[in-house]
Structure formats: C-alpha cells, structure tokens
C-alpha atoms as a PDB file:
ATOM      1  CA  MET A   1      -0.481   4.043   7.246  1.00  0.00           C
ATOM      2  CA  SER A   2       1.036   1.195   5.452  1.00  0.00           C
ATOM      3  CA  ALA A   3       0.710  -2.316   6.790  1.00  0.00           C
ATOM      4  CA  THR A   4       3.482  -3.596   4.454  1.00  0.00           C
ATOM      5  CA  ARG A   5       5.683  -0.668   5.758  1.00  0.00           C
ATOM      6  CA  LEU A   6       4.852  -1.634   9.206  1.00  0.00           C
ATOM      7  CA  LEU A   7       5.501  -5.221   8.700  1.00  0.00           C
ATOM      8  CA  VAL A   8       8.739  -4.676   6.818  1.00  0.00           C
ATOM      9  CA  LEU A   9      10.115  -2.659   9.614  1.00  0.00           C
ATOM     10  CA  GLY A  10       9.031  -5.061  11.997  1.00  0.00           C
ATOM     11  CA  VAL A  11      10.785  -8.116  10.486  1.00  0.00           C
ATOM     12  CA  VAL A  12      13.878  -6.203   9.834  1.00  0.00           C
ATOM     13  CA  ARG A  13      13.741  -4.919  13.575  1.00  0.00           C
ATOM     14  CA  GLY A  14      13.247  -8.724  14.574  1.00  0.00           C
ATOM     15  CA  TYR A  15      16.119  -9.979  12.922  1.00  0.00           C
ATOM     16  CA  GLY A  16      18.529  -7.045  13.387  1.00  0.00           C
ATOM     17  CA  ARG A  17      19.482  -7.383   9.977  1.00  0.00           C
ATOM     18  CA  ALA A  18      17.917  -8.929   7.053  1.00  0.00           C
ATOM     19  CA  HIS A  19      17.557  -9.119   3.146  1.00  0.00           C
ATOM     20  CA  GLY A  20      14.414  -8.697   1.186  1.00  0.00           C
ATOM     21  CA  TYR A  21      13.965 -12.591   0.246  1.00  0.00           C
ATOM     22  CA  LEU A  22      14.085 -13.286   3.810  1.00  0.00           C
ATOM     23  CA  ILE A  23      11.626 -10.512   4.652  1.00  0.00           C
ATOM     24  CA  GLY A  24       9.333 -11.611   2.026  1.00  0.00           C
ATOM     25  CA  ASN A  25       9.696 -15.400   2.683  1.00  0.00           C
ATOM     26  CA  ASP A  26       8.527 -14.700   6.072  1.00  0.00           C
ATOM     27  CA  LEU A  27       5.583 -12.460   5.404  1.00  0.00           C
ATOM     28  CA  MET A  28       4.522 -14.666   2.842  1.00  0.00           C
ATOM     29  CA  SER A  29       4.648 -17.810   5.141  1.00  0.00           C
ATOM     30  CA  TRP A  30       2.493 -15.857   7.660  1.00  0.00           C
ATOM     31  CA  GLY A  31      -0.371 -15.470   5.036  1.00  0.00           C
ATOM     32  CA  ALA A  32       0.225 -11.626   4.888  1.00  0.00           C
ATOM     33  CA  GLY A  33      -0.649 -11.824   1.405  1.00  0.00           C
ATOM     34  CA  GLU A  34      -3.985 -12.487   2.413  1.00  0.00           C
ATOM     35  CA  TRP A  35      -4.642 -10.332   5.534  1.00  0.00           C
ATOM     36  CA  ALA A  36      -2.551  -7.296   4.678  1.00  0.00           C
ATOM     37  CA  ASN A  37      -2.407  -7.425   0.981  1.00  0.00           C
ATOM     38  CA  VAL A  38       1.384  -7.814   1.045  1.00  0.00           C
ATOM     39  CA  LYS A  39       2.800  -8.545  -2.274  1.00  0.00           C
ATOM     40  CA  TRP A  40       6.414  -9.065  -3.323  1.00  0.00           C
ATOM     41  CA  GLY A  41       6.549  -5.848  -5.128  1.00  0.00           C
ATOM     42  CA  SER A  42       5.180  -3.820  -2.123  1.00  0.00           C
ATOM     43  CA  ILE A  43       7.737  -5.321   0.108  1.00  0.00           C
ATOM     44  CA  TYR A  44      10.891  -3.998  -2.016  1.00  0.00           C
ATOM     45  CA  HIS A  45       9.023  -0.887  -2.584  1.00  0.00           C
ATOM     46  CA  ALA A  46       8.842  -0.598   1.283  1.00  0.00           C
ATOM     47  CA  LEU A  47      12.417  -1.370   1.670  1.00  0.00           C
ATOM     48  CA  LYS A  48      13.293   1.238  -0.916  1.00  0.00           C
ATOM     49  CA  GLN A  49      11.174   3.901   0.376  1.00  0.00           C
ATOM     50  CA  SER A  50      12.336   3.277   4.075  1.00  0.00           C
ATOM     51  CA  THR A  51      15.840   3.675   3.099  1.00  0.00           C
ATOM     52  CA  LYS A  52      15.156   6.813   1.288  1.00  0.00           C
ATOM     53  CA  ASP A  53      13.356   8.064   4.261  1.00  0.00           C
ATOM     54  CA  GLY A  54      16.187   7.293   6.708  1.00  0.00           C
ATOM     55  CA  CYS A  55      14.308   4.493   8.727  1.00  0.00           C
ATOM     56  CA  LEU A  56      16.618   1.900   7.139  1.00  0.00           C
ATOM     57  CA  VAL A  57      20.174   1.564   6.110  1.00  0.00           C
ATOM     58  CA  ASP A  58      21.240  -0.524   3.395  1.00  0.00           C
ATOM     59  CA  HIS A  59      24.440  -2.986   3.196  1.00  0.00           C
ATOM     60  CA  LEU A  60      25.585  -4.582  -0.016  1.00  0.00           C
ATOM     61  CA  VAL A  61      26.557  -8.100   0.687  1.00  0.00           C
ATOM     62  CA  PRO A  62      28.766  -9.443  -2.220  1.00  0.00           C
ATOM     63  CA  PRO A  63      27.877 -10.961  -4.461  1.00  0.00           C
ATOM     64  CA  ALA A  64      24.552  -9.149  -5.037  1.00  0.00           C
ATOM     65  CA  ARG A  65      22.474  -9.198  -2.022  1.00  0.00           C
ATOM     66  CA  THR A  66      21.357  -6.272  -0.108  1.00  0.00           C
ATOM     67  CA  ASP A  67      20.858  -6.318   3.680  1.00  0.00           C
ATOM     68  CA  TYR A  68      18.780  -3.774   5.458  1.00  0.00           C
ATOM     69  CA  GLU A  69      19.140  -2.660   9.458  1.00  0.00           C
ATOM     70  CA  LEU A  70      16.824  -0.441  11.168  1.00  0.00           C
ATOM     71  CA  THR A  71      17.886   3.087  11.973  1.00  0.00           C
ATOM     72  CA  ALA A  72      16.914   5.088  15.220  1.00  0.00           C
ATOM     73  CA  LYS A  73      14.356   7.050  12.951  1.00  0.00           C
ATOM     74  CA  GLY A  74      13.120   3.459  11.826  1.00  0.00           C
ATOM     75  CA  GLU A  75      12.684   2.494  15.290  1.00  0.00           C
ATOM     76  CA  ALA A  76      10.796   5.360  16.264  1.00  0.00           C
ATOM     77  CA  GLU A  77       8.583   4.774  13.096  1.00  0.00           C
ATOM     78  CA  TYR A  78       8.128   1.256  13.740  1.00  0.00           C
ATOM     79  CA  ARG A  79       6.938   1.875  16.985  1.00  0.00           C
ATOM     80  CA  GLY A  80       4.781   4.831  16.342  1.00  0.00           C
ATOM     81  CA  LEU A  81       3.000   2.466  13.468  1.00  0.00           C
ATOM     82  CA  LEU A  82       2.661  -0.232  15.607  1.00  0.00           C
ATOM     83  CA  ARG A  83       1.013   1.752  18.611  1.00  0.00           C
ATOM     84  CA  ASP A  84      -1.377   3.322  16.276  1.00  0.00           C
ATOM     85  CA  ALA A  85      -2.348  -0.098  14.527  1.00  0.00           C
ATOM     86  CA  LEU A  86      -3.524  -1.228  18.000  1.00  0.00           C
ATOM     87  CA  ARG A  87      -5.039   1.613  19.298  1.00  0.00           C
ATOM     88  CA  ARG A  88      -6.959   3.190  16.156  1.00  0.00           C
ATOM     89  CA  PRO A  89     -10.107   1.236  14.979  1.00  0.00           C
ATOM     90  CA  GLU A  90      -9.796   1.152  11.251  1.00  0.00           C
ATOM     91  CA  THR A  91     -12.529   0.305   8.556  1.00  0.00           C
ATOM     92  CA  ARG A  92      -9.932  -2.113   6.967  1.00  0.00           C
ATOM     93  CA  PRO A  93      -8.323  -4.752   9.036  1.00  0.00           C
ATOM     94  CA  ASP A  94      -4.834  -4.903   7.604  1.00  0.00           C
ATOM     95  CA  MET A  95      -3.296  -2.545  10.219  1.00  0.00           C
ATOM     96  CA  LEU A  96      -4.519  -4.103  13.174  1.00  0.00           C
ATOM     97  CA  ALA A  97      -3.688  -7.470  11.662  1.00  0.00           C
ATOM     98  CA  ALA A  98      -0.151  -6.404  11.315  1.00  0.00           C
ATOM     99  CA  GLY A  99      -0.315  -4.902  14.827  1.00  0.00           C
ATOM    100  CA  LEU A 100      -1.027  -8.307  16.226  1.00  0.00           C
ATOM    101  CA  ALA A 101       1.594 -10.091  14.293  1.00  0.00           C
ATOM    102  CA  LEU A 102       4.167  -7.630  15.846  1.00  0.00           C
ATOM    103  CA  LEU A 103       2.414  -7.393  19.304  1.00  0.00           C
ATOM    104  CA  PRO A 104       5.334  -8.863  21.474  1.00  0.00           C
ATOM    105  CA  SER A 105       7.306  -5.796  20.396  1.00  0.00           C
ATOM    106  CA  LEU A 106       5.600  -4.248  23.111  1.00  0.00           C
ATOM    107  CA  THR A 107       5.551  -4.337  26.844  1.00  0.00           C
ATOM    108  CA  ARG A 108       2.666  -6.144  28.395  1.00  0.00           C
ATOM    109  CA  ALA A 109       1.395  -3.008  29.970  1.00  0.00           C
ATOM    110  CA  GLU A 110       1.745  -0.948  26.870  1.00  0.00           C
ATOM    111  CA  ALA A 111      -0.019  -3.515  24.732  1.00  0.00           C
ATOM    112  CA  VAL A 112      -2.921  -3.469  27.064  1.00  0.00           C
ATOM    113  CA  GLY A 113      -2.862   0.322  27.334  1.00  0.00           C
ATOM    114  CA  LEU A 114      -3.310   0.919  23.685  1.00  0.00           C
ATOM    115  CA  LEU A 115      -5.714  -2.001  23.534  1.00  0.00           C
ATOM    116  CA  VAL A 116      -7.911   0.018  26.205  1.00  0.00           C
ATOM    117  CA  GLU A 117      -7.643   2.979  24.058  1.00  0.00           C
ATOM    118  CA  ARG A 118      -9.063   1.046  21.159  1.00  0.00           C
ATOM    119  CA  LEU A 119     -11.758  -0.427  23.151  1.00  0.00           C
ATOM    120  CA  ALA A 120     -12.928   3.133  24.128  1.00  0.00           C
ATOM    121  CA  ALA A 121     -12.745   4.307  20.521  1.00  0.00           C
ATOM    122  CA  LEU A 122     -15.070   1.358  19.514  1.00  0.00           C
ATOM    123  CA  GLU A 123     -17.333   1.715  22.188  1.00  0.00           C
ATOM    124  CA  ALA A 124     -17.604   5.323  21.502  1.00  0.00           C
ATOM    125  CA  ARG A 125     -18.253   4.263  17.637  1.00  0.00           C
ATOM    126  CA  ARG A 126     -20.919   1.861  18.742  1.00  0.00           C
ATOM    127  CA  ASP A 127     -23.058   4.366  20.735  1.00  0.00           C
ATOM    128  CA  ALA A 128     -22.550   6.981  18.027  1.00  0.00           C
ATOM    129  CA  ALA A 129     -23.952   4.519  15.423  1.00  0.00           C
ATOM    130  CA  ARG A 130     -26.779   3.721  17.575  1.00  0.00           C
ATOM    131  CA  VAL A 131     -27.713   7.288  18.047  1.00  0.00           C
ATOM    132  CA  GLN A 132     -27.641   7.881  14.557  1.00  0.00           C
ATOM    133  CA  ALA A 133     -29.881   4.930  13.712  1.00  0.00           C
ATOM    134  CA  ALA A 134     -32.345   5.979  16.196  1.00  0.00           C
ATOM    135  CA  GLY A 135     -32.675   9.624  14.752  1.00  0.00           C
ATOM    136  CA  TRP A 136     -32.428   8.484  11.058  1.00  0.00           C
ATOM    137  CA  GLY A 137     -35.299   9.905   9.149  1.00  0.00           C
ATOM    138  CA  GLY A 138     -34.206   9.148   5.704  1.00  0.00           C
ATOM    139  CA  PRO A 139     -34.964   6.038   3.267  1.00  0.00           C
ATOM    140  CA  PRO A 140     -35.175   3.172   5.574  1.00  0.00           C
ATOM    141  CA  HIS A 141     -32.780   0.894   3.853  1.00  0.00           C
ATOM    142  CA  VAL A 142     -29.883   3.275   4.448  1.00  0.00           C
ATOM    143  CA  GLY A 143     -30.612   2.697   8.351  1.00  0.00           C
ATOM    144  CA  GLU A 144     -28.966  -0.478   7.769  1.00  0.00           C
ATOM    145  CA  LEU A 145     -25.640   1.000   7.509  1.00  0.00           C
ATOM    146  CA  TYR A 146     -25.944   2.562  11.141  1.00  0.00           C
ATOM    147  CA  GLY A 147     -26.941  -1.065  12.453  1.00  0.00           C
ATOM    148  CA  LEU A 148     -24.066  -2.478  10.294  1.00  0.00           C
ATOM    149  CA  TRP A 149     -21.629   0.022  12.020  1.00  0.00           C
ATOM    150  CA  GLU A 150     -23.045  -0.356  15.416  1.00  0.00           C
ATOM    151  CA  HIS A 151     -22.673  -4.295  15.007  1.00  0.00           C
ATOM    152  CA  THR A 152     -19.297  -3.987  13.758  1.00  0.00           C
ATOM    153  CA  ALA A 153     -18.060  -1.890  16.579  1.00  0.00           C
ATOM    154  CA  SER A 154     -19.715  -3.872  19.225  1.00  0.00           C
ATOM    155  CA  SER A 155     -18.061  -6.864  17.865  1.00  0.00           C
ATOM    156  CA  GLY A 156     -14.782  -5.382  17.694  1.00  0.00           C
ATOM    157  CA  ALA A 157     -15.073  -4.017  21.148  1.00  0.00           C
ATOM    158  CA  GLU A 158     -15.815  -7.850  22.413  1.00  0.00           C
ATOM    159  CA  TRP A 159     -12.853  -9.148  20.716  1.00  0.00           C
ATOM    160  CA  THR A 160     -10.730  -6.389  21.974  1.00  0.00           C
ATOM    161  CA  ARG A 161     -12.170  -6.824  25.361  1.00  0.00           C
ATOM    162  CA  GLY A 162     -11.312 -10.606  25.222  1.00  0.00           C
ATOM    163  CA  LEU A 163      -7.631  -9.828  23.960  1.00  0.00           C
ATOM    164  CA  VAL A 164      -7.181  -7.470  26.987  1.00  0.00           C
ATOM    165  CA  GLY A 165      -8.240 -10.236  29.239  1.00  0.00           C
ATOM    166  CA  ARG A 166      -6.026 -12.632  27.780  1.00  0.00           C
ATOM    167  CA  LEU A 167      -3.123 -10.329  27.967  1.00  0.00           C
ATOM    168  CA  GLU A 168      -3.699  -9.147  31.649  1.00  0.00           C
ATOM    169  CA  GLY A 169      -3.876 -12.990  32.365  1.00  0.00           C
ATOM    170  CA  GLY A 170      -0.227 -13.566  30.809  1.00  0.00           C
ATOM    171  CA  ALA A 171      -0.991 -14.823  27.399  1.00  0.00           C
ATOM    172  CA  TYR A 172       1.974 -14.597  25.147  1.00  0.00           C
ATOM    173  CA  SER A 173       5.546 -13.847  25.643  1.00  0.00           C
ATOM    174  CA  MET A 174       5.877  -9.805  25.277  1.00  0.00           C
ATOM    175  CA  ALA A 175       9.014  -7.648  25.562  1.00  0.00           C
ATOM    176  CA  GLY A 176      11.271  -7.909  28.352  1.00  0.00           C
ATOM    177  CA  GLU A 177       9.688 -11.346  29.373  1.00  0.00           C
ATOM    178  CA  PRO A 178      11.414 -14.651  28.927  1.00  0.00           C
ATOM    179  CA  GLY A 179      11.004 -16.397  25.504  1.00  0.00           C
ATOM    180  CA  SER A 180       9.819 -12.995  23.972  1.00  0.00           C
ATOM    181  CA  PRO A 181      10.178 -12.661  20.063  1.00  0.00           C
ATOM    182  CA  GLY A 182       9.926  -8.969  20.534  1.00  0.00           C
ATOM    183  CA  GLU A 183      13.410  -7.710  21.257  1.00  0.00           C
ATOM    184  CA  PRO A 184      15.465  -6.099  18.401  1.00  0.00           C
ATOM    185  CA  GLY A 185      17.895  -8.731  16.771  1.00  0.00           C
ATOM    186  CA  SER A 186      15.794 -11.546  18.623  1.00  0.00           C
ATOM    187  CA  TRP A 187      14.788 -13.455  15.664  1.00  0.00           C
ATOM    188  CA  ALA A 188      18.546 -14.307  14.496  1.00  0.00           C
ATOM    189  CA  MET A 189      18.267 -17.786  15.416  1.00  0.00           C
ATOM    190  CA  LEU A 190      15.407 -17.964  12.834  1.00  0.00           C
ATOM    191  CA  LYS A 191      17.554 -16.673   9.856  1.00  0.00           C
ATOM    192  CA  LEU A 192      17.632 -18.418   6.585  1.00  0.00           C
ATOM    193  CA  GLU A 193      21.112 -18.399   5.320  1.00  0.00           C
END
C-alpha cells in the first residue's frame, strides 16, 4: 500500500476536482512530508499512475493546468486503501497517519468497526510476542526484540482503544454528520484559485 496514493486520492475526492499544486500544497501544509514521506515528485507520480490505472480522470484547463477527478474505480480504490490503513497494523506508521488524516470520509460506525479490528490484531500481536519471549532460548539480547514488539503492540492497542472511545463519545464530524469534511466534493469552499 502507498500512503501517498491514499492521500492523493483522498484530497482529489475531498475537492471533487483538484490540480497537482493544490493537492501538493494541502499535503505539505499538513506535514505529510514528515509523517508519510510525501514528496512533490511522489504526488505527481501518484496522479499519473492513478490516471493510468483508471482511478482518476484528467482534464486540461487552459492555459496549462491539469485537474484531476476521481472515477468510480478511484472511489473503490480510495475506500479500500483507507479501510486497510485503519484496520491493519503496519510496522511503518505512514498508512495509519494517512488513514487518520482522511478519517472523516467514513461513517462513525464504520470507523469504529475498523479500529476494533485493528485493536484485535494489535492485542494478538502483543500476546504472540509475549509467548515468543517466554519461550526464547537463543542469545538473550535477541529476546529484547520480543519485548519491543510486545511493548509496541501494547501501546498501539492502548491508543486505538482510546480513539475508539473518543469516536463512540461523538468526537469529530464523520461522514453523514453536520460539518463533516468527509463527503466527496465537500472541500470546495477551501479551494485555492
């Protein structure tokens, strides 16, 4: 999975139609260069590849600007990437960070359900690392890896549990709720012209 692809599709979706500079400007202003390793070149690559894959359609706007719009295939791709980013714990945090940036695209119930899946996976990882550590018979210092994995999964589970609680308590405007930035084209009032 690519955090850049998810973010690019999400920004295009948010605006309904957007050009590369607008997309890049938004992502850079969010700090995505730091937390998702997004670069200007990767943004334009994602736009071209997503257009080639049929997820985006491009429109030439005279004199020399290209706007992009999400296709039905792109909406499906976006939703699949977003769901996976929230439900699947990865070693690198960039996909989760991208998923969190686009969280309001989901209904509250769906977001909670995906995060509950993530929580179960993290708890299973924590428990497996604990068992591996207890049974480790090799060099003692290598056993520190199991302790690290247990700690990482445990802290991830604790954070996820907290986010689920905040969402269940009504935090953030989610898709279908008043004020949500999660509906396609709902970012139009933010466009930089």
